Amino acid sequence: MSIPLEDNFEDIIGKAQRGLSLNSEMLAAQAGISPEELEALRAGTVDETSARLVAATLGLHAESLLALGRHQWQPNPVSLDGLLVFNTAWRDMTVNAAIVFDPASKHAAIIDTGADAAPIIAAVATHGLTPSLILITHTHPDHIAALPALRDAYPDAKVFVGHGELFKDAHPVSPGHVFSLGAVSVEIRETSGHAVCGMTYLFHGLASPVACVGDALFAGSMGGGMVSWTRALETNRKELFSLQDHTVVVPGHGPLTTIGEEKAHNPFYPEFKSPN
């Protein structure tokens, strides 16, 4: 399954600009470029000189930003026994959901729901899985759209959401809590900022750790700071970039990636890049 990157060159500039509360006049002035040059960047024109100046102003890693603008980077494909990912259409975009399971016992967790439960239900049947958990990274509509159908299909599965979100008939979960799925354990980390109480579910026991992060982090990008841009950056640095490089990242949108790939290629985190 090939999923395109969630954000392109101009999306990343726009997210950083909004996160820092800079209007276009302010950003152009601080970067030392003309308003016309900024608008060209925001329209997707990759001019190296102006892109570097804007990247410096926005705290972005210029080389990574330019590589995305030139379509020179895509994360390597990820395949892992015990991990299934589903990409379904939601309005004018697509959204991810996942199943993580213990290959031996077949005990499984469903993470987010996507827009259509049918592929998840079919995969559970095909692989002979027993879902006992439905773990919601955050309650934005695209991530819980198919929850009613999954509740009907798996009435014994318990639904969990972050402790800071009020959500009917779901159990609150806090950082530090651990679930078990046979030989697979699930660690809870809070990655808020995009959402009020975003949760990352970190699975141990497969060939690689798996972090289901919702919209906290995308391949080459991150979710917008709808609650707090500063908080979104801080929690990602603390809770995600502290993980092992081979940790598989399952984002809410876009392709799978790894922590190592994001350290090397995500423009929002220049501190992890090797010196030029």
C-alpha atoms as a PDB file:
ATOM      1  CA  MET A   1       0.000   0.000   0.000  1.00  0.00           C
ATOM      2  CA  SER A   2       1.541   3.281  -1.126  1.00  0.00           C
ATOM      3  CA  ILE A   3       0.245   6.363   0.676  1.00  0.00           C
ATOM      4  CA  PRO A   4       1.462   9.808  -0.444  1.00  0.00           C
ATOM      5  CA  LEU A   5       3.008  12.249   1.988  1.00  0.00           C
ATOM      6  CA  GLU A   6       0.404  14.170   3.957  1.00  0.00           C
ATOM      7  CA  ASP A   7       2.128  17.550   3.596  1.00  0.00           C
ATOM      8  CA  ASN A   8       4.098  19.146   0.799  1.00  0.00           C
ATOM      9  CA  PHE A   9       6.644  21.970   0.767  1.00  0.00           C
ATOM     10  CA  GLU A  10       4.076  24.769   0.937  1.00  0.00           C
ATOM     11  CA  ASP A  11       1.990  22.982   3.608  1.00  0.00           C
ATOM     12  CA  ILE A  12       5.028  22.851   5.882  1.00  0.00           C
ATOM     13  CA  ILE A  13       5.769  26.550   5.442  1.00  0.00           C
ATOM     14  CA  GLY A  14       2.119  27.377   6.128  1.00  0.00           C
ATOM     15  CA  LYS A  15       1.962  25.235   9.274  1.00  0.00           C
ATOM     16  CA  ALA A  16       5.097  26.758  10.734  1.00  0.00           C
ATOM     17  CA  GLN A  17       3.917  30.261   9.856  1.00  0.00           C
ATOM     18  CA  ARG A  18       0.546  29.726  11.527  1.00  0.00           C
ATOM     19  CA  GLY A  19       2.179  28.053  14.503  1.00  0.00           C
ATOM     20  CA  LEU A  20       4.363  31.104  15.106  1.00  0.00           C
ATOM     21  CA  SER A  21       1.423  33.492  14.504  1.00  0.00           C
ATOM     22  CA  LEU A  22       3.233  35.314  11.704  1.00  0.00           C
ATOM     23  CA  ASN A  23       1.161  36.925   8.982  1.00  0.00           C
ATOM     24  CA  SER A  24       2.681  37.018   5.521  1.00  0.00           C
ATOM     25  CA  GLU A  25       3.826  40.634   5.828  1.00  0.00           C
ATOM     26  CA  MET A  26       5.642  39.852   9.084  1.00  0.00           C
ATOM     27  CA  LEU A  27       7.210  36.661   7.749  1.00  0.00           C
ATOM     28  CA  ALA A  28       8.467  38.275   4.550  1.00  0.00           C
ATOM     29  CA  ALA A  29       9.963  41.183   6.486  1.00  0.00           C
ATOM     30  CA  GLN A  30      11.689  38.948   9.045  1.00  0.00           C
ATOM     31  CA  ALA A  31      13.047  36.656   6.329  1.00  0.00           C
ATOM     32  CA  GLY A  32      14.259  39.584   4.231  1.00  0.00           C
ATOM     33  CA  ILE A  33      12.348  38.641   1.100  1.00  0.00           C
ATOM     34  CA  SER A  34       9.601  40.383  -0.824  1.00  0.00           C
ATOM     35  CA  PRO A  35       5.910  39.570  -0.278  1.00  0.00           C
ATOM     36  CA  GLU A  36       5.835  38.302  -3.854  1.00  0.00           C
ATOM     37  CA  GLU A  37       8.695  35.896  -3.185  1.00  0.00           C
ATOM     38  CA  LEU A  38       6.904  34.587  -0.105  1.00  0.00           C
ATOM     39  CA  GLU A  39       3.658  34.089  -1.986  1.00  0.00           C
ATOM     40  CA  ALA A  40       5.538  32.152  -4.667  1.00  0.00           C
ATOM     41  CA  LEU A  41       6.888  29.817  -1.974  1.00  0.00           C
ATOM     42  CA  ARG A  42       3.431  29.438  -0.476  1.00  0.00           C
ATOM     43  CA  ALA A  43       2.158  28.502  -3.934  1.00  0.00           C
ATOM     44  CA  GLY A  44       4.732  25.715  -4.216  1.00  0.00           C
ATOM     45  CA  THR A  45       7.516  27.386  -6.189  1.00  0.00           C
ATOM     46  CA  VAL A  46      10.817  26.079  -4.841  1.00  0.00           C
ATOM     47  CA  ASP A  47      13.275  28.965  -4.936  1.00  0.00           C
ATOM     48  CA  GLU A  48      16.336  27.921  -2.947  1.00  0.00           C
ATOM     49  CA  THR A  49      17.449  31.356  -1.782  1.00  0.00           C
ATOM     50  CA  SER A  50      14.088  32.518  -0.472  1.00  0.00           C
ATOM     51  CA  ALA A  51      13.268  29.042   0.900  1.00  0.00           C
ATOM     52  CA  ARG A  52      16.454  29.046   2.985  1.00  0.00           C
ATOM     53  CA  LEU A  53      15.689  32.504   4.381  1.00  0.00           C
ATOM     54  CA  VAL A  54      12.132  31.535   5.279  1.00  0.00           C
ATOM     55  CA  ALA A  55      13.262  28.220   6.779  1.00  0.00           C
ATOM     56  CA  ALA A  56      15.701  30.037   9.055  1.00  0.00           C
ATOM     57  CA  THR A  57      12.983  32.438  10.177  1.00  0.00           C
ATOM     58  CA  LEU A  58      10.530  29.617  10.887  1.00  0.00           C
ATOM     59  CA  GLY A  59      13.024  27.334  12.638  1.00  0.00           C
ATOM     60  CA  LEU A  60      12.887  24.729   9.873  1.00  0.00           C
ATOM     61  CA  HIS A  61      15.742  22.628   8.513  1.00  0.00           C
ATOM     62  CA  ALA A  62      16.326  24.110   5.072  1.00  0.00           C
ATOM     63  CA  GLU A  63      17.854  21.026   3.407  1.00  0.00           C
ATOM     64  CA  SER A  64      14.956  18.825   4.488  1.00  0.00           C
ATOM     65  CA  LEU A  65      12.417  21.418   3.355  1.00  0.00           C
ATOM     66  CA  LEU A  66      14.086  21.732  -0.038  1.00  0.00           C
ATOM     67  CA  ALA A  67      14.285  17.951  -0.444  1.00  0.00           C
ATOM     68  CA  LEU A  68      10.534  17.720   0.094  1.00  0.00           C
ATOM     69  CA  GLY A  69       9.912  20.568  -2.340  1.00  0.00           C
ATOM     70  CA  ARG A  70      12.005  18.785  -4.962  1.00  0.00           C
ATOM     71  CA  HIS A  71      10.310  15.418  -4.263  1.00  0.00           C
ATOM     72  CA  GLN A  72      13.651  13.891  -3.299  1.00  0.00           C
ATOM     73  CA  TRP A  73      12.532  12.065  -0.163  1.00  0.00           C
ATOM     74  CA  GLN A  74       9.905   9.490   0.727  1.00  0.00           C
ATOM     75  CA  PRO A  75      10.152   7.194   3.762  1.00  0.00           C
ATOM     76  CA  ASN A  76      11.193   3.630   3.058  1.00  0.00           C
ATOM     77  CA  PRO A  77       8.275   1.161   2.946  1.00  0.00           C
ATOM     78  CA  VAL A  78       7.534  -0.561   6.249  1.00  0.00           C
ATOM     79  CA  SER A  79       6.283  -4.114   6.633  1.00  0.00           C
ATOM     80  CA  LEU A  80       6.011  -5.741  10.036  1.00  0.00           C
ATOM     81  CA  ASP A  81       4.399  -8.973  11.186  1.00  0.00           C
ATOM     82  CA  GLY A  82       1.708  -7.992  13.686  1.00  0.00           C
ATOM     83  CA  LEU A  83       0.918  -4.613  12.110  1.00  0.00           C
ATOM     84  CA  LEU A  84      -1.895  -3.867   9.655  1.00  0.00           C
ATOM     85  CA  VAL A  85      -2.652  -0.347   8.400  1.00  0.00           C
ATOM     86  CA  PHE A  86      -5.825   0.872   6.699  1.00  0.00           C
ATOM     87  CA  ASN A  87      -6.138   4.067   4.670  1.00  0.00           C
ATOM     88  CA  THR A  88      -9.695   5.231   3.953  1.00  0.00           C
ATOM     89  CA  ALA A  89     -11.194   8.282   2.272  1.00  0.00           C
ATOM     90  CA  TRP A  90     -12.458  11.110   4.477  1.00  0.00           C
ATOM     91  CA  ARG A  91     -13.882  14.098   2.611  1.00  0.00           C
ATOM     92  CA  ASP A  92     -11.043  15.492   0.480  1.00  0.00           C
ATOM     93  CA  MET A  93      -8.269  13.498   2.182  1.00  0.00           C
ATOM     94  CA  THR A  94      -7.499  10.059   3.565  1.00  0.00           C
ATOM     95  CA  VAL A  95      -7.042   8.902   7.148  1.00  0.00           C
ATOM     96  CA  ASN A  96      -5.230   5.961   8.710  1.00  0.00           C
ATOM     97  CA  ALA A  97      -6.295   3.342  11.223  1.00  0.00           C
ATOM     98  CA  ALA A  98      -4.305   0.317  12.362  1.00  0.00           C
ATOM     99  CA  ILE A  99      -4.423  -3.077  14.011  1.00  0.00           C
ATOM    100  CA  VAL A 100      -1.505  -4.223  16.136  1.00  0.00           C
ATOM    101  CA  PHE A 101      -1.625  -7.845  17.270  1.00  0.00           C
ATOM    102  CA  ASP A 102       0.373 -10.599  18.869  1.00  0.00           C
ATOM    103  CA  PRO A 103       1.040 -13.053  16.008  1.00  0.00           C
ATOM    104  CA  ALA A 104       1.018 -16.017  18.417  1.00  0.00           C
ATOM    105  CA  SER A 105      -2.091 -15.409  20.532  1.00  0.00           C
ATOM    106  CA  LYS A 106      -3.904 -13.237  17.946  1.00  0.00           C
ATOM    107  CA  HIS A 107      -4.918 -10.765  20.664  1.00  0.00           C
ATOM    108  CA  ALA A 108      -5.324  -7.401  18.959  1.00  0.00           C
ATOM    109  CA  ALA A 109      -5.816  -3.678  19.426  1.00  0.00           C
ATOM    110  CA  ILE A 110      -7.500  -1.415  16.911  1.00  0.00           C
ATOM    111  CA  ILE A 111      -6.014   2.074  16.865  1.00  0.00           C
ATOM    112  CA  ASP A 112      -8.359   4.804  15.605  1.00  0.00           C
ATOM    113  CA  THR A 113     -11.104   3.829  13.192  1.00  0.00           C
ATOM    114  CA  GLY A 114     -10.666   5.622   9.897  1.00  0.00           C
ATOM    115  CA  ALA A 115     -13.736   6.517   7.902  1.00  0.00           C
ATOM    116  CA  ASP A 116     -14.844   2.971   7.073  1.00  0.00           C
ATOM    117  CA  ALA A 117     -14.833  -0.033   9.400  1.00  0.00           C
ATOM    118  CA  ALA A 118     -15.221  -2.621   6.632  1.00  0.00           C
ATOM    119  CA  PRO A 119     -11.488  -3.147   5.891  1.00  0.00           C
ATOM    120  CA  ILE A 120     -10.736  -3.539   9.598  1.00  0.00           C
ATOM    121  CA  ILE A 121     -13.560  -6.030  10.129  1.00  0.00           C
ATOM    122  CA  ALA A 122     -12.459  -8.016   7.065  1.00  0.00           C
ATOM    123  CA  ALA A 123      -8.835  -8.117   8.260  1.00  0.00           C
ATOM    124  CA  VAL A 124      -9.841  -9.295  11.734  1.00  0.00           C
ATOM    125  CA  ALA A 125     -11.710 -12.191  10.163  1.00  0.00           C
ATOM    126  CA  THR A 126      -8.946 -13.016   7.666  1.00  0.00           C
ATOM    127  CA  HIS A 127      -6.230 -13.136  10.330  1.00  0.00           C
ATOM    128  CA  GLY A 128      -8.390 -14.761  13.016  1.00  0.00           C
ATOM    129  CA  LEU A 129      -7.829 -11.908  15.462  1.00  0.00           C
ATOM    130  CA  THR A 130      -9.521 -11.138  18.769  1.00  0.00           C
ATOM    131  CA  PRO A 131      -9.757  -7.360  19.280  1.00  0.00           C
ATOM    132  CA  SER A 132      -9.935  -6.522  22.978  1.00  0.00           C
ATOM    133  CA  LEU A 133      -8.964  -2.838  22.772  1.00  0.00           C
ATOM    134  CA  ILE A 134     -10.000   0.105  20.625  1.00  0.00           C
ATOM    135  CA  LEU A 135      -7.459   2.843  21.291  1.00  0.00           C
ATOM    136  CA  ILE A 136      -8.263   6.368  20.127  1.00  0.00           C
ATOM    137  CA  THR A 137      -5.339   8.743  19.635  1.00  0.00           C
ATOM    138  CA  HIS A 138      -7.639  11.788  19.665  1.00  0.00           C
ATOM    139  CA  THR A 139     -11.304  12.422  19.012  1.00  0.00           C
ATOM    140  CA  HIS A 140     -11.228  14.574  15.883  1.00  0.00           C
ATOM    141  CA  PRO A 141     -14.046  13.317  13.623  1.00  0.00           C
ATOM    142  CA  ASP A 142     -11.876  11.682  10.961  1.00  0.00           C
ATOM    143  CA  HIS A 143     -10.280   9.405  13.566  1.00  0.00           C
ATOM    144  CA  ILE A 144     -13.500   8.142  15.156  1.00  0.00           C
ATOM    145  CA  ALA A 145     -15.914   8.143  12.193  1.00  0.00           C
ATOM    146  CA  ALA A 146     -16.230   4.341  12.081  1.00  0.00           C
ATOM    147  CA  LEU A 147     -16.328   3.814  15.847  1.00  0.00           C
ATOM    148  CA  PRO A 148     -20.066   2.960  16.012  1.00  0.00           C
ATOM    149  CA  ALA A 149     -19.565   0.143  13.491  1.00  0.00           C
ATOM    150  CA  LEU A 150     -16.562  -1.198  15.394  1.00  0.00           C
ATOM    151  CA  ARG A 151     -18.470  -1.087  18.678  1.00  0.00           C
ATOM    152  CA  ASP A 152     -21.220  -3.157  17.052  1.00  0.00           C
ATOM    153  CA  ALA A 153     -18.747  -5.612  15.556  1.00  0.00           C
ATOM    154  CA  TYR A 154     -16.700  -6.055  18.770  1.00  0.00           C
ATOM    155  CA  PRO A 155     -18.953  -5.340  21.752  1.00  0.00           C
ATOM    156  CA  ASP A 156     -16.450  -6.855  24.197  1.00  0.00           C
ATOM    157  CA  ALA A 157     -13.621  -4.554  23.115  1.00  0.00           C
ATOM    158  CA  LYS A 158     -13.016  -1.663  25.512  1.00  0.00           C
ATOM    159  CA  VAL A 159     -12.610   1.824  24.045  1.00  0.00           C
ATOM    160  CA  PHE A 160      -9.957   4.118  25.503  1.00  0.00           C
ATOM    161  CA  VAL A 161      -9.264   7.821  24.916  1.00  0.00           C
ATOM    162  CA  GLY A 162      -6.886  10.316  26.476  1.00  0.00           C
ATOM    163  CA  HIS A 163      -7.689  11.314  30.042  1.00  0.00           C
ATOM    164  CA  GLY A 164      -8.187  14.947  29.028  1.00  0.00           C
ATOM    165  CA  GLU A 165     -10.958  14.265  26.527  1.00  0.00           C
ATOM    166  CA  LEU A 166     -14.590  13.739  27.442  1.00  0.00           C
ATOM    167  CA  PHE A 167     -15.987  11.012  25.234  1.00  0.00           C
ATOM    168  CA  LYS A 168     -19.157   9.026  25.858  1.00  0.00           C
ATOM    169  CA  ASP A 169     -18.798   5.357  26.761  1.00  0.00           C
ATOM    170  CA  ALA A 170     -15.013   5.404  26.593  1.00  0.00           C
ATOM    171  CA  HIS A 171     -12.490   4.811  29.338  1.00  0.00           C
ATOM    172  CA  PRO A 172      -9.886   7.492  30.087  1.00  0.00           C
ATOM    173  CA  VAL A 173      -6.244   6.473  29.852  1.00  0.00           C
ATOM    174  CA  SER A 174      -3.202   8.294  31.187  1.00  0.00           C
ATOM    175  CA  PRO A 175       0.543   8.224  30.468  1.00  0.00           C
ATOM    176  CA  GLY A 176       2.294   5.353  32.188  1.00  0.00           C
ATOM    177  CA  HIS A 177      -0.601   2.919  31.811  1.00  0.00           C
ATOM    178  CA  VAL A 178       0.327  -0.392  30.174  1.00  0.00           C
ATOM    179  CA  PHE A 179      -1.956  -2.877  28.393  1.00  0.00           C
ATOM    180  CA  SER A 180      -1.109  -6.443  27.408  1.00  0.00           C
ATOM    181  CA  LEU A 181      -2.000  -8.280  24.208  1.00  0.00           C
ATOM    182  CA  GLY A 182      -0.481 -11.695  24.727  1.00  0.00           C
ATOM    183  CA  ALA A 183       3.265 -11.168  24.318  1.00  0.00           C
ATOM    184  CA  VAL A 184       2.762  -7.582  23.111  1.00  0.00           C
ATOM    185  CA  SER A 185       2.569  -4.718  25.596  1.00  0.00           C
ATOM    186  CA  VAL A 186       1.156  -1.240  25.000  1.00  0.00           C
ATOM    187  CA  GLU A 187       2.717   1.798  26.662  1.00  0.00           C
ATOM    188  CA  ILE A 188       0.845   5.122  26.803  1.00  0.00           C
ATOM    189  CA  ARG A 189       2.503   8.466  26.058  1.00  0.00           C
ATOM    190  CA  GLU A 190       0.801  11.857  25.839  1.00  0.00           C
ATOM    191  CA  THR A 191       1.526  13.835  22.669  1.00  0.00           C
ATOM    192  CA  SER A 192      -0.819  16.807  22.929  1.00  0.00           C
ATOM    193  CA  GLY A 193      -0.712  20.098  21.079  1.00  0.00           C
ATOM    194  CA  HIS A 194      -2.516  19.199  17.888  1.00  0.00           C
ATOM    195  CA  ALA A 195      -5.328  17.829  20.056  1.00  0.00           C
ATOM    196  CA  VAL A 196      -6.384  18.626  23.605  1.00  0.00           C
ATOM    197  CA  CYS A 197      -5.137  15.289  24.913  1.00  0.00           C
ATOM    198  CA  GLY A 198      -3.494  13.408  22.075  1.00  0.00           C
ATOM    199  CA  MET A 199      -2.240   9.942  22.941  1.00  0.00           C
ATOM    200  CA  THR A 200       0.521   7.836  21.415  1.00  0.00           C
ATOM    201  CA  TYR A 201       0.214   4.078  21.835  1.00  0.00           C
ATOM    202  CA  LEU A 202       3.662   2.467  21.868  1.00  0.00           C
ATOM    203  CA  PHE A 203       3.705  -1.278  21.228  1.00  0.00           C
ATOM    204  CA  HIS A 204       6.562  -3.518  22.367  1.00  0.00           C
ATOM    205  CA  GLY A 205       7.021  -7.173  21.518  1.00  0.00           C
ATOM    206  CA  LEU A 206       7.087  -7.202  17.713  1.00  0.00           C
ATOM    207  CA  ALA A 207      10.271  -7.195  15.630  1.00  0.00           C
ATOM    208  CA  SER A 208      10.331  -3.394  15.986  1.00  0.00           C
ATOM    209  CA  PRO A 209       8.537  -1.078  18.422  1.00  0.00           C
ATOM    210  CA  VAL A 210       5.439   0.540  16.898  1.00  0.00           C
ATOM    211  CA  ALA A 211       4.221   4.035  17.815  1.00  0.00           C
ATOM    212  CA  CYS A 212       0.665   4.884  16.730  1.00  0.00           C
ATOM    213  CA  VAL A 213       0.833   8.649  17.030  1.00  0.00           C
ATOM    214  CA  GLY A 214      -2.369  10.024  15.510  1.00  0.00           C
ATOM    215  CA  ASP A 215      -1.729  13.513  14.165  1.00  0.00           C
ATOM    216  CA  ALA A 216       1.187  14.315  16.455  1.00  0.00           C
ATOM    217  CA  LEU A 217       3.723  13.431  13.752  1.00  0.00           C
ATOM    218  CA  PHE A 218       3.595  12.735  10.017  1.00  0.00           C
ATOM    219  CA  ALA A 219       6.261  11.485   7.643  1.00  0.00           C
ATOM    220  CA  GLY A 220       8.222  14.666   6.952  1.00  0.00           C
ATOM    221  CA  SER A 221       5.778  16.866   8.857  1.00  0.00           C
ATOM    222  CA  MET A 222       3.453  17.042  11.859  1.00  0.00           C
ATOM    223  CA  GLY A 223      -0.105  17.977  12.739  1.00  0.00           C
ATOM    224  CA  GLY A 224      -0.935  21.649  13.104  1.00  0.00           C
ATOM    225  CA  GLY A 225      -0.884  23.139  16.574  1.00  0.00           C
ATOM    226  CA  MET A 226      -4.638  23.461  16.851  1.00  0.00           C
ATOM    227  CA  VAL A 227      -4.349  23.646  20.652  1.00  0.00           C
ATOM    228  CA  SER A 228      -0.723  24.743  21.101  1.00  0.00           C
ATOM    229  CA  TRP A 229       2.091  24.808  18.539  1.00  0.00           C
ATOM    230  CA  THR A 230       4.709  25.025  21.274  1.00  0.00           C
ATOM    231  CA  ARG A 231       3.171  22.097  23.131  1.00  0.00           C
ATOM    232  CA  ALA A 232       3.001  20.002  19.948  1.00  0.00           C
ATOM    233  CA  LEU A 233       6.703  20.499  19.264  1.00  0.00           C
ATOM    234  CA  GLU A 234       7.687  19.912  22.883  1.00  0.00           C
ATOM    235  CA  THR A 235       5.735  16.697  23.369  1.00  0.00           C
ATOM    236  CA  ASN A 236       7.000  15.257  20.091  1.00  0.00           C
ATOM    237  CA  ARG A 237      10.587  15.994  21.080  1.00  0.00           C
ATOM    238  CA  LYS A 238      10.142  14.493  24.533  1.00  0.00           C
ATOM    239  CA  GLU A 239       7.858  11.550  23.865  1.00  0.00           C
ATOM    240  CA  LEU A 240       8.601  10.534  20.255  1.00  0.00           C
ATOM    241  CA  PHE A 241      12.107  11.606  19.309  1.00  0.00           C
ATOM    242  CA  SER A 242      13.401   9.939  22.462  1.00  0.00           C
ATOM    243  CA  LEU A 243      12.346   6.560  21.051  1.00  0.00           C
ATOM    244  CA  GLN A 244      14.700   4.146  19.304  1.00  0.00           C
ATOM    245  CA  ASP A 245      15.468   5.022  15.694  1.00  0.00           C
ATOM    246  CA  HIS A 246      13.981   1.761  14.385  1.00  0.00           C
ATOM    247  CA  THR A 247      10.605   2.495  16.009  1.00  0.00           C
ATOM    248  CA  VAL A 248       7.910   2.300  13.343  1.00  0.00           C
ATOM    249  CA  VAL A 249       5.664   5.370  13.314  1.00  0.00           C
ATOM    250  CA  VAL A 250       2.023   4.935  12.269  1.00  0.00           C
ATOM    251  CA  PRO A 251       0.667   8.455  11.706  1.00  0.00           C
ATOM    252  CA  GLY A 252      -2.949   9.492  11.376  1.00  0.00           C
ATOM    253  CA  HIS A 253      -2.345  10.559   7.778  1.00  0.00           C
ATOM    254  CA  GLY A 254       0.287   9.766   5.168  1.00  0.00           C
ATOM    255  CA  PRO A 255       2.755   6.874   4.943  1.00  0.00           C
ATOM    256  CA  LEU A 256       4.428   4.950   7.730  1.00  0.00           C
ATOM    257  CA  THR A 257       7.878   6.116   8.737  1.00  0.00           C
ATOM    258  CA  THR A 258      10.419   5.551  11.497  1.00  0.00           C
ATOM    259  CA  ILE A 259      11.877   7.753  14.204  1.00  0.00           C
ATOM    260  CA  GLY A 260      15.264   7.526  12.503  1.00  0.00           C
ATOM    261  CA  GLU A 261      13.805   8.728   9.200  1.00  0.00           C
ATOM    262  CA  GLU A 262      12.114  11.652  10.932  1.00  0.00           C
ATOM    263  CA  LYS A 263      15.285  12.658  12.739  1.00  0.00           C
ATOM    264  CA  ALA A 264      17.051  12.739   9.391  1.00  0.00           C
ATOM    265  CA  HIS A 265      14.337  14.261   7.182  1.00  0.00           C
ATOM    266  CA  ASN A 266      11.607  16.106   9.122  1.00  0.00           C
ATOM    267  CA  PRO A 267      12.091  19.896   8.640  1.00  0.00           C
ATOM    268  CA  PHE A 268      10.406  20.758  11.959  1.00  0.00           C
ATOM    269  CA  TYR A 269      13.237  19.165  14.001  1.00  0.00           C
ATOM    270  CA  PRO A 270      16.542  20.647  12.812  1.00  0.00           C
ATOM    271  CA  GLU A 271      18.360  19.760  16.022  1.00  0.00           C
ATOM    272  CA  PHE A 272      18.500  16.087  15.061  1.00  0.00           C
ATOM    273  CA  LYS A 273      20.152  16.672  11.681  1.00  0.00           C
ATOM    274  CA  SER A 274      23.823  16.026  10.997  1.00  0.00           C
ATOM    275  CA  PRO A 275      25.869  19.209  10.430  1.00  0.00           C
ATOM    276  CA  ASN A 276      26.189  20.132   6.763  1.00  0.00           C
END
